[in-house]
Amino acid sequence: MSEDFQILVHNNEGNLHLKLMGDFDEDSAREVLKAVRDKSHATSRVFIHTNGLHQIYPKAQKVFQENIDSMELQSIPVLFTGEKADQLAPNENILR
């Protein structure tokens, strides 16, 4: 995982918020997927905030997009916010 990458996690009114910070490499992508899988059990929505991301590596983007939809989250919407949302979101779940 990139040395400067961090995930800040908090819950708010039944929603899980993941604020991503730093460079997004393949290990970072896997760490975010794990956080979503491990922490989304009692939530109604997951928000992934991308404003804190610097560089998103193409392989990391591919790993993330191929796996976020295949995870068993079909009943929990995953919404993306921030200026890099369109680079991570595998579909139209982008909030502007």
PDB file of N, CA and C in Angstrom:
ATOM      1  N   MET A   1       0.850  -1.177   0.000  1.00  0.00           N
ATOM      2  CA  MET A   1       0.000   0.000   0.000  1.00  0.00           C
ATOM      3  C   MET A   1       0.892   1.236   0.000  1.00  0.00           C
ATOM      4  N   SER A   2       0.456   2.240  -0.702  1.00  0.00           N
ATOM      5  CA  SER A   2       1.192   3.495  -0.751  1.00  0.00           C
ATOM      6  C   SER A   2       1.422   4.006   0.672  1.00  0.00           C
ATOM      7  N   GLU A   3       2.623   4.495   0.925  1.00  0.00           N
ATOM      8  CA  GLU A   3       2.970   4.944   2.282  1.00  0.00           C
ATOM      9  C   GLU A   3       2.093   6.077   2.780  1.00  0.00           C
ATOM     10  N   ASP A   4       1.613   6.907   1.869  1.00  0.00           N
ATOM     11  CA  ASP A   4       0.817   8.053   2.315  1.00  0.00           C
ATOM     12  C   ASP A   4      -0.691   7.800   2.255  1.00  0.00           C
ATOM     13  N   PHE A   5      -1.120   6.583   1.901  1.00  0.00           N
ATOM     14  CA  PHE A   5      -2.552   6.305   1.776  1.00  0.00           C
ATOM     15  C   PHE A   5      -3.187   6.071   3.145  1.00  0.00           C
ATOM     16  N   GLN A   6      -4.370   6.663   3.332  1.00  0.00           N
ATOM     17  CA  GLN A   6      -5.142   6.470   4.569  1.00  0.00           C
ATOM     18  C   GLN A   6      -6.611   6.372   4.224  1.00  0.00           C
ATOM     19  N   ILE A   7      -7.333   5.645   5.057  1.00  0.00           N
ATOM     20  CA  ILE A   7      -8.794   5.607   4.984  1.00  0.00           C
ATOM     21  C   ILE A   7      -9.305   6.109   6.330  1.00  0.00           C
ATOM     22  N   LEU A   8     -10.038   7.199   6.305  1.00  0.00           N
ATOM     23  CA  LEU A   8     -10.686   7.690   7.514  1.00  0.00           C
ATOM     24  C   LEU A   8     -12.118   7.174   7.486  1.00  0.00           C
ATOM     25  N   VAL A   9     -12.518   6.467   8.526  1.00  0.00           N
ATOM     26  CA  VAL A   9     -13.815   5.799   8.566  1.00  0.00           C
ATOM     27  C   VAL A   9     -14.672   6.397   9.663  1.00  0.00           C
ATOM     28  N   HIS A  10     -15.928   6.697   9.324  1.00  0.00           N
ATOM     29  CA  HIS A  10     -16.874   7.058  10.371  1.00  0.00           C
ATOM     30  C   HIS A  10     -18.292   6.692   9.938  1.00  0.00           C
ATOM     31  N   ASN A  11     -19.125   6.478  10.932  1.00  0.00           N
ATOM     32  CA  ASN A  11     -20.538   6.182  10.707  1.00  0.00           C
ATOM     33  C   ASN A  11     -21.353   7.397  11.100  1.00  0.00           C
ATOM     34  N   ASN A  12     -22.400   7.647  10.336  1.00  0.00           N
ATOM     35  CA  ASN A  12     -23.249   8.795  10.590  1.00  0.00           C
ATOM     36  C   ASN A  12     -24.670   8.448  10.177  1.00  0.00           C
ATOM     37  N   GLU A  13     -25.563   8.370  11.137  1.00  0.00           N
ATOM     38  CA  GLU A  13     -26.978   8.108  10.884  1.00  0.00           C
ATOM     39  C   GLU A  13     -27.196   6.878  10.003  1.00  0.00           C
ATOM     40  N   GLY A  14     -26.495   5.797  10.302  1.00  0.00           N
ATOM     41  CA  GLY A  14     -26.661   4.555   9.567  1.00  0.00           C
ATOM     42  C   GLY A  14     -25.899   4.479   8.260  1.00  0.00           C
ATOM     43  N   ASN A  15     -25.086   5.489   7.966  1.00  0.00           N
ATOM     44  CA  ASN A  15     -24.289   5.502   6.744  1.00  0.00           C
ATOM     45  C   ASN A  15     -22.816   5.327   7.088  1.00  0.00           C
ATOM     46  N   LEU A  16     -22.115   4.580   6.260  1.00  0.00           N
ATOM     47  CA  LEU A  16     -20.678   4.398   6.421  1.00  0.00           C
ATOM     48  C   LEU A  16     -19.976   5.360   5.471  1.00  0.00           C
ATOM     49  N   HIS A  17     -19.050   6.152   6.004  1.00  0.00           N
ATOM     50  CA  HIS A  17     -18.280   7.110   5.210  1.00  0.00           C
ATOM     51  C   HIS A  17     -16.814   6.695   5.219  1.00  0.00           C
ATOM     52  N   LEU A  18     -16.232   6.577   4.027  1.00  0.00           N
ATOM     53  CA  LEU A  18     -14.812   6.283   3.883  1.00  0.00           C
ATOM     54  C   LEU A  18     -14.172   7.447   3.140  1.00  0.00           C
ATOM     55  N   LYS A  19     -13.303   8.162   3.819  1.00  0.00           N
ATOM     56  CA  LYS A  19     -12.598   9.278   3.203  1.00  0.00           C
ATOM     57  C   LYS A  19     -11.211   8.775   2.813  1.00  0.00           C
ATOM     58  N   LEU A  20     -10.933   8.750   1.510  1.00  0.00           N
ATOM     59  CA  LEU A  20      -9.676   8.222   1.001  1.00  0.00           C
ATOM     60  C   LEU A  20      -8.683   9.359   0.835  1.00  0.00           C
ATOM     61  N   MET A  21      -7.446   9.118   1.291  1.00  0.00           N
ATOM     62  CA  MET A  21      -6.428  10.162   1.250  1.00  0.00           C
ATOM     63  C   MET A  21      -5.097   9.565   0.791  1.00  0.00           C
ATOM     64  N   GLY A  22      -4.424  10.271  -0.126  1.00  0.00           N
ATOM     65  CA  GLY A  22      -3.110   9.848  -0.586  1.00  0.00           C
ATOM     66  C   GLY A  22      -3.150   9.267  -1.980  1.00  0.00           C
ATOM     67  N   ASP A  23      -2.119   8.484  -2.319  1.00  0.00           N
ATOM     68  CA  ASP A  23      -2.034   7.834  -3.621  1.00  0.00           C
ATOM     69  C   ASP A  23      -2.752   6.491  -3.572  1.00  0.00           C
ATOM     70  N   PHE A  24      -3.501   6.191  -4.633  1.00  0.00           N
ATOM     71  CA  PHE A  24      -4.346   5.004  -4.695  1.00  0.00           C
ATOM     72  C   PHE A  24      -3.686   3.974  -5.600  1.00  0.00           C
ATOM     73  N   ASP A  25      -2.996   2.994  -4.978  1.00  0.00           N
ATOM     74  CA  ASP A  25      -2.361   1.919  -5.737  1.00  0.00           C
ATOM     75  C   ASP A  25      -3.170   0.632  -5.550  1.00  0.00           C
ATOM     76  N   GLU A  26      -2.672  -0.491  -6.088  1.00  0.00           N
ATOM     77  CA  GLU A  26      -3.425  -1.746  -6.016  1.00  0.00           C
ATOM     78  C   GLU A  26      -3.681  -2.194  -4.581  1.00  0.00           C
ATOM     79  N   ASP A  27      -2.699  -2.066  -3.715  1.00  0.00           N
ATOM     80  CA  ASP A  27      -2.888  -2.455  -2.311  1.00  0.00           C
ATOM     81  C   ASP A  27      -3.915  -1.548  -1.639  1.00  0.00           C
ATOM     82  N   SER A  28      -3.898  -0.270  -1.986  1.00  0.00           N
ATOM     83  CA  SER A  28      -4.887   0.664  -1.443  1.00  0.00           C
ATOM     84  C   SER A  28      -6.286   0.253  -1.887  1.00  0.00           C
ATOM     85  N   ALA A  29      -6.417  -0.122  -3.146  1.00  0.00           N
ATOM     86  CA  ALA A  29      -7.719  -0.560  -3.675  1.00  0.00           C
ATOM     87  C   ALA A  29      -8.235  -1.753  -2.881  1.00  0.00           C
ATOM     88  N   ARG A  30      -7.364  -2.710  -2.639  1.00  0.00           N
ATOM     89  CA  ARG A  30      -7.774  -3.902  -1.879  1.00  0.00           C
ATOM     90  C   ARG A  30      -8.144  -3.540  -0.437  1.00  0.00           C
ATOM     91  N   GLU A  31      -7.429  -2.592   0.138  1.00  0.00           N
ATOM     92  CA  GLU A  31      -7.714  -2.148   1.510  1.00  0.00           C
ATOM     93  C   GLU A  31      -9.083  -1.474   1.596  1.00  0.00           C
ATOM     94  N   VAL A  32      -9.429  -0.671   0.597  1.00  0.00           N
ATOM     95  CA  VAL A  32     -10.753  -0.032   0.576  1.00  0.00           C
ATOM     96  C   VAL A  32     -11.841  -1.087   0.406  1.00  0.00           C
ATOM     97  N   LEU A  33     -11.634  -2.037  -0.493  1.00  0.00           N
ATOM     98  CA  LEU A  33     -12.615  -3.113  -0.691  1.00  0.00           C
ATOM     99  C   LEU A  33     -12.825  -3.896   0.605  1.00  0.00           C
ATOM    100  N   LYS A  34     -11.731  -4.177   1.309  1.00  0.00           N
ATOM    101  CA  LYS A  34     -11.826  -4.883   2.598  1.00  0.00           C
ATOM    102  C   LYS A  34     -12.587  -4.046   3.618  1.00  0.00           C
ATOM    103  N   ALA A  35     -12.321  -2.759   3.676  1.00  0.00           N
ATOM    104  CA  ALA A  35     -13.021  -1.885   4.624  1.00  0.00           C
ATOM    105  C   ALA A  35     -14.516  -1.858   4.331  1.00  0.00           C
ATOM    106  N   VAL A  36     -14.877  -1.767   3.066  1.00  0.00           N
ATOM    107  CA  VAL A  36     -16.302  -1.768   2.699  1.00  0.00           C
ATOM    108  C   VAL A  36     -16.933  -3.086   3.114  1.00  0.00           C
ATOM    109  N   ARG A  37     -16.269  -4.181   2.806  1.00  0.00           N
ATOM    110  CA  ARG A  37     -16.805  -5.513   3.137  1.00  0.00           C
ATOM    111  C   ARG A  37     -16.940  -5.701   4.654  1.00  0.00           C
ATOM    112  N   ASP A  38     -15.922  -5.281   5.404  1.00  0.00           N
ATOM    113  CA  ASP A  38     -15.898  -5.535   6.845  1.00  0.00           C
ATOM    114  C   ASP A  38     -16.776  -4.589   7.654  1.00  0.00           C
ATOM    115  N   LYS A  39     -17.003  -3.375   7.172  1.00  0.00           N
ATOM    116  CA  LYS A  39     -17.655  -2.357   7.989  1.00  0.00           C
ATOM    117  C   LYS A  39     -19.055  -1.968   7.531  1.00  0.00           C
ATOM    118  N   SER A  40     -19.576  -2.595   6.479  1.00  0.00           N
ATOM    119  CA  SER A  40     -20.863  -2.161   5.930  1.00  0.00           C
ATOM    120  C   SER A  40     -22.054  -2.988   6.406  1.00  0.00           C
ATOM    121  N   HIS A  41     -21.883  -3.842   7.400  1.00  0.00           N
ATOM    122  CA  HIS A  41     -22.945  -4.761   7.804  1.00  0.00           C
ATOM    123  C   HIS A  41     -24.199  -4.076   8.333  1.00  0.00           C
ATOM    124  N   ALA A  42     -24.068  -3.065   9.131  1.00  0.00           N
ATOM    125  CA  ALA A  42     -25.238  -2.425   9.739  1.00  0.00           C
ATOM    126  C   ALA A  42     -25.476  -1.033   9.163  1.00  0.00           C
ATOM    127  N   THR A  43     -25.190  -0.873   7.865  1.00  0.00           N
ATOM    128  CA  THR A  43     -25.355   0.437   7.254  1.00  0.00           C
ATOM    129  C   THR A  43     -26.395   0.393   6.148  1.00  0.00           C
ATOM    130  N   SER A  44     -26.944   1.555   5.839  1.00  0.00           N
ATOM    131  CA  SER A  44     -27.910   1.628   4.745  1.00  0.00           C
ATOM    132  C   SER A  44     -27.263   2.109   3.453  1.00  0.00           C
ATOM    133  N   ARG A  45     -26.157   2.847   3.562  1.00  0.00           N
ATOM    134  CA  ARG A  45     -25.414   3.323   2.386  1.00  0.00           C
ATOM    135  C   ARG A  45     -23.947   3.461   2.742  1.00  0.00           C
ATOM    136  N   VAL A  46     -23.118   3.337   1.713  1.00  0.00           N
ATOM    137  CA  VAL A  46     -21.677   3.552   1.861  1.00  0.00           C
ATOM    138  C   VAL A  46     -21.303   4.733   0.980  1.00  0.00           C
ATOM    139  N   PHE A  47     -20.625   5.709   1.565  1.00  0.00           N
ATOM    140  CA  PHE A  47     -20.131   6.865   0.826  1.00  0.00           C
ATOM    141  C   PHE A  47     -18.615   6.765   0.748  1.00  0.00           C
ATOM    142  N   ILE A  48     -18.074   6.855  -0.451  1.00  0.00           N
ATOM    143  CA  ILE A  48     -16.635   6.869  -0.644  1.00  0.00           C
ATOM    144  C   ILE A  48     -16.263   8.261  -1.135  1.00  0.00           C
ATOM    145  N   HIS A  49     -15.537   8.978  -0.293  1.00  0.00           N
ATOM    146  CA  HIS A  49     -15.156  10.365  -0.568  1.00  0.00           C
ATOM    147  C   HIS A  49     -13.754  10.381  -1.182  1.00  0.00           C
ATOM    148  N   THR A  50     -13.619  11.019  -2.350  1.00  0.00           N
ATOM    149  CA  THR A  50     -12.375  10.933  -3.116  1.00  0.00           C
ATOM    150  C   THR A  50     -11.560  12.223  -3.168  1.00  0.00           C
ATOM    151  N   ASN A  51     -12.010  13.292  -2.552  1.00  0.00           N
ATOM    152  CA  ASN A  51     -11.291  14.567  -2.653  1.00  0.00           C
ATOM    153  C   ASN A  51      -9.866  14.508  -2.118  1.00  0.00           C
ATOM    154  N   GLY A  52      -9.582  13.607  -1.195  1.00  0.00           N
ATOM    155  CA  GLY A  52      -8.248  13.520  -0.610  1.00  0.00           C
ATOM    156  C   GLY A  52      -7.267  12.684  -1.412  1.00  0.00           C
ATOM    157  N   LEU A  53      -7.721  12.108  -2.525  1.00  0.00           N
ATOM    158  CA  LEU A  53      -6.823  11.288  -3.336  1.00  0.00           C
ATOM    159  C   LEU A  53      -5.926  12.156  -4.201  1.00  0.00           C
ATOM    160  N   HIS A  54      -4.689  11.706  -4.350  1.00  0.00           N
ATOM    161  CA  HIS A  54      -3.744  12.402  -5.224  1.00  0.00           C
ATOM    162  C   HIS A  54      -3.721  11.684  -6.558  1.00  0.00           C
ATOM    163  N   GLN A  55      -2.903  10.665  -6.673  1.00  0.00           N
ATOM    164  CA  GLN A  55      -2.780   9.917  -7.916  1.00  0.00           C
ATOM    165  C   GLN A  55      -3.556   8.616  -7.797  1.00  0.00           C
ATOM    166  N   ILE A  56      -4.263   8.254  -8.867  1.00  0.00           N
ATOM    167  CA  ILE A  56      -4.949   6.969  -8.950  1.00  0.00           C
ATOM    168  C   ILE A  56      -4.264   6.182 -10.066  1.00  0.00           C
ATOM    169  N   TYR A  57      -3.621   5.081  -9.706  1.00  0.00           N
ATOM    170  CA  TYR A  57      -2.908   4.273 -10.685  1.00  0.00           C
ATOM    171  C   TYR A  57      -3.900   3.423 -11.478  1.00  0.00           C
ATOM    172  N   PRO A  58      -3.687   3.294 -12.788  1.00  0.00           N
ATOM    173  CA  PRO A  58      -4.632   2.562 -13.643  1.00  0.00           C
ATOM    174  C   PRO A  58      -4.918   1.135 -13.186  1.00  0.00           C
ATOM    175  N   LYS A  59      -3.901   0.394 -12.758  1.00  0.00           N
ATOM    176  CA  LYS A  59      -4.144  -0.980 -12.292  1.00  0.00           C
ATOM    177  C   LYS A  59      -5.008  -0.986 -11.033  1.00  0.00           C
ATOM    178  N   ALA A  60      -4.801  -0.012 -10.162  1.00  0.00           N
ATOM    179  CA  ALA A  60      -5.608   0.085  -8.939  1.00  0.00           C
ATOM    180  C   ALA A  60      -7.052   0.384  -9.288  1.00  0.00           C
ATOM    181  N   GLN A  61      -7.247   1.268 -10.238  1.00  0.00           N
ATOM    182  CA  GLN A  61      -8.593   1.619 -10.691  1.00  0.00           C
ATOM    183  C   GLN A  61      -9.304   0.369 -11.220  1.00  0.00           C
ATOM    184  N   LYS A  62      -8.597  -0.422 -12.012  1.00  0.00           N
ATOM    185  CA  LYS A  62      -9.175  -1.645 -12.580  1.00  0.00           C
ATOM    186  C   LYS A  62      -9.525  -2.659 -11.487  1.00  0.00           C
ATOM    187  N   VAL A  63      -8.593  -2.891 -10.567  1.00  0.00           N
ATOM    188  CA  VAL A  63      -8.836  -3.829  -9.459  1.00  0.00           C
ATOM    189  C   VAL A  63     -10.066  -3.394  -8.669  1.00  0.00           C
ATOM    190  N   PHE A  64     -10.137  -2.120  -8.352  1.00  0.00           N
ATOM    191  CA  PHE A  64     -11.243  -1.607  -7.551  1.00  0.00           C
ATOM    192  C   PHE A  64     -12.574  -1.768  -8.284  1.00  0.00           C
ATOM    193  N   GLN A  65     -12.632  -1.323  -9.528  1.00  0.00           N
ATOM    194  CA  GLN A  65     -13.886  -1.363 -10.282  1.00  0.00           C
ATOM    195  C   GLN A  65     -14.362  -2.776 -10.552  1.00  0.00           C
ATOM    196  N   GLU A  66     -13.441  -3.692 -10.793  1.00  0.00           N
ATOM    197  CA  GLU A  66     -13.835  -5.080 -11.048  1.00  0.00           C
ATOM    198  C   GLU A  66     -14.378  -5.765  -9.802  1.00  0.00           C
ATOM    199  N   ASN A  67     -13.988  -5.294  -8.639  1.00  0.00           N
ATOM    200  CA  ASN A  67     -14.373  -5.976  -7.408  1.00  0.00           C
ATOM    201  C   ASN A  67     -15.484  -5.302  -6.613  1.00  0.00           C
ATOM    202  N   ILE A  68     -15.661  -4.007  -6.734  1.00  0.00           N
ATOM    203  CA  ILE A  68     -16.677  -3.338  -5.919  1.00  0.00           C
ATOM    204  C   ILE A  68     -18.077  -3.812  -6.301  1.00  0.00           C
ATOM    205  N   ASP A  69     -18.338  -4.014  -7.576  1.00  0.00           N
ATOM    206  CA  ASP A  69     -19.653  -4.498  -7.995  1.00  0.00           C
ATOM    207  C   ASP A  69     -19.856  -5.973  -7.698  1.00  0.00           C
ATOM    208  N   SER A  70     -18.786  -6.753  -7.750  1.00  0.00           N
ATOM    209  CA  SER A  70     -18.928  -8.191  -7.530  1.00  0.00           C
ATOM    210  C   SER A  70     -19.061  -8.545  -6.056  1.00  0.00           C
ATOM    211  N   MET A  71     -18.792  -7.587  -5.186  1.00  0.00           N
ATOM    212  CA  MET A  71     -18.949  -7.839  -3.754  1.00  0.00           C
ATOM    213  C   MET A  71     -20.442  -7.977  -3.443  1.00  0.00           C
ATOM    214  N   GLU A  72     -20.740  -8.635  -2.401  1.00  0.00           N
ATOM    215  CA  GLU A  72     -22.140  -8.854  -2.052  1.00  0.00           C
ATOM    216  C   GLU A  72     -22.720  -7.621  -1.370  1.00  0.00           C
ATOM    217  N   LEU A  73     -22.777  -6.543  -2.130  1.00  0.00           N
ATOM    218  CA  LEU A  73     -23.298  -5.278  -1.613  1.00  0.00           C
ATOM    219  C   LEU A  73     -24.516  -4.835  -2.412  1.00  0.00           C
ATOM    220  N   GLN A  74     -25.105  -5.742  -3.147  1.00  0.00           N
ATOM    221  CA  GLN A  74     -26.193  -5.364  -4.035  1.00  0.00           C
ATOM    222  C   GLN A  74     -27.314  -4.633  -3.294  1.00  0.00           C
ATOM    223  N   SER A  75     -27.533  -4.955  -2.036  1.00  0.00           N
ATOM    224  CA  SER A  75     -28.604  -4.303  -1.291  1.00  0.00           C
ATOM    225  C   SER A  75     -28.138  -3.017  -0.585  1.00  0.00           C
ATOM    226  N   ILE A  76     -26.853  -2.737  -0.633  1.00  0.00           N
ATOM    227  CA  ILE A  76     -26.320  -1.526  -0.003  1.00  0.00           C
ATOM    228  C   ILE A  76     -25.711  -0.655  -1.092  1.00  0.00           C
ATOM    229  N   PRO A  77     -26.296   0.510  -1.360  1.00  0.00           N
ATOM    230  CA  PRO A  77     -25.719   1.380  -2.380  1.00  0.00           C
ATOM    231  C   PRO A  77     -24.351   1.929  -1.955  1.00  0.00           C
ATOM    232  N   VAL A  78     -23.427   1.947  -2.908  1.00  0.00           N
ATOM    233  CA  VAL A  78     -22.120   2.543  -2.711  1.00  0.00           C
ATOM    234  C   VAL A  78     -22.086   3.797  -3.572  1.00  0.00           C
ATOM    235  N   LEU A  79     -21.958   4.949  -2.915  1.00  0.00           N
ATOM    236  CA  LEU A  79     -21.994   6.236  -3.600  1.00  0.00           C
ATOM    237  C   LEU A  79     -20.632   6.908  -3.496  1.00  0.00           C
ATOM    238  N   PHE A  80     -20.228   7.566  -4.564  1.00  0.00           N
ATOM    239  CA  PHE A  80     -18.918   8.188  -4.650  1.00  0.00           C
ATOM    240  C   PHE A  80     -19.070   9.702  -4.709  1.00  0.00           C
ATOM    241  N   THR A  81     -18.229  10.403  -3.959  1.00  0.00           N
ATOM    242  CA  THR A  81     -18.250  11.869  -3.971  1.00  0.00           C
ATOM    243  C   THR A  81     -16.851  12.387  -4.250  1.00  0.00           C
ATOM    244  N   GLY A  82     -16.770  13.639  -4.679  1.00  0.00           N
ATOM    245  CA  GLY A  82     -15.489  14.297  -4.845  1.00  0.00           C
ATOM    246  C   GLY A  82     -15.013  14.343  -6.283  1.00  0.00           C
ATOM    247  N   GLU A  83     -13.918  15.059  -6.470  1.00  0.00           N
ATOM    248  CA  GLU A  83     -13.435  15.324  -7.817  1.00  0.00           C
ATOM    249  C   GLU A  83     -12.859  14.099  -8.508  1.00  0.00           C
ATOM    250  N   LYS A  84     -12.513  13.047  -7.784  1.00  0.00           N
ATOM    251  CA  LYS A  84     -11.979  11.826  -8.405  1.00  0.00           C
ATOM    252  C   LYS A  84     -13.028  10.705  -8.441  1.00  0.00           C
ATOM    253  N   ALA A  85     -14.271  11.025  -8.102  1.00  0.00           N
ATOM    254  CA  ALA A  85     -15.325  10.014  -8.042  1.00  0.00           C
ATOM    255  C   ALA A  85     -15.501   9.296  -9.374  1.00  0.00           C
ATOM    256  N   ASP A  86     -15.440  10.046 -10.466  1.00  0.00           N
ATOM    257  CA  ASP A  86     -15.659   9.427 -11.767  1.00  0.00           C
ATOM    258  C   ASP A  86     -14.530   8.479 -12.157  1.00  0.00           C
ATOM    259  N   GLN A  87     -13.381   8.573 -11.505  1.00  0.00           N
ATOM    260  CA  GLN A  87     -12.284   7.649 -11.788  1.00  0.00           C
ATOM    261  C   GLN A  87     -12.417   6.339 -11.014  1.00  0.00           C
ATOM    262  N   LEU A  88     -13.153   6.349  -9.903  1.00  0.00           N
ATOM    263  CA  LEU A  88     -13.307   5.133  -9.101  1.00  0.00           C
ATOM    264  C   LEU A  88     -14.646   4.445  -9.284  1.00  0.00           C
ATOM    265  N   ALA A  89     -15.695   5.213  -9.471  1.00  0.00           N
ATOM    266  CA  ALA A  89     -17.035   4.630  -9.554  1.00  0.00           C
ATOM    267  C   ALA A  89     -17.156   3.750 -10.795  1.00  0.00           C
ATOM    268  N   PRO A  90     -17.586   2.500 -10.614  1.00  0.00           N
ATOM    269  CA  PRO A  90     -17.741   1.620 -11.770  1.00  0.00           C
ATOM    270  C   PRO A  90     -19.033   1.880 -12.555  1.00  0.00           C
ATOM    271  N   ASN A  91     -19.892   2.742 -12.034  1.00  0.00           N
ATOM    272  CA  ASN A  91     -21.172   2.992 -12.679  1.00  0.00           C
ATOM    273  C   ASN A  91     -21.595   4.441 -12.409  1.00  0.00           C
ATOM    274  N   GLU A  92     -22.861   4.697 -12.448  1.00  0.00           N
ATOM    275  CA  GLU A  92     -23.352   6.067 -12.294  1.00  0.00           C
ATOM    276  C   GLU A  92     -23.593   6.493 -10.843  1.00  0.00           C
ATOM    277  N   ASN A  93     -23.066   5.805  -9.868  1.00  0.00           N
ATOM    278  CA  ASN A  93     -23.295   6.134  -8.462  1.00  0.00           C
ATOM    279  C   ASN A  93     -22.382   7.263  -7.979  1.00  0.00           C
ATOM    280  N   ILE A  94     -22.414   8.376  -8.685  1.00  0.00           N
ATOM    281  CA  ILE A  94     -21.586   9.522  -8.342  1.00  0.00           C
ATOM    282  C   ILE A  94     -22.477  10.664  -7.867  1.00  0.00           C
ATOM    283  N   LEU A  95     -22.145  11.224  -6.717  1.00  0.00           N
ATOM    284  CA  LEU A  95     -22.878  12.381  -6.195  1.00  0.00           C
ATOM    285  C   LEU A  95     -22.067  13.626  -6.522  1.00  0.00           C
ATOM    286  N   ARG A  96     -22.703  14.593  -7.059  1.00  0.00           N
ATOM    287  CA  ARG A  96     -22.010  15.845  -7.417  1.00  0.00           C
ATOM    288  C   ARG A  96     -22.363  16.926  -6.427  1.00  0.00           C
TER     289      ARG A  96
END
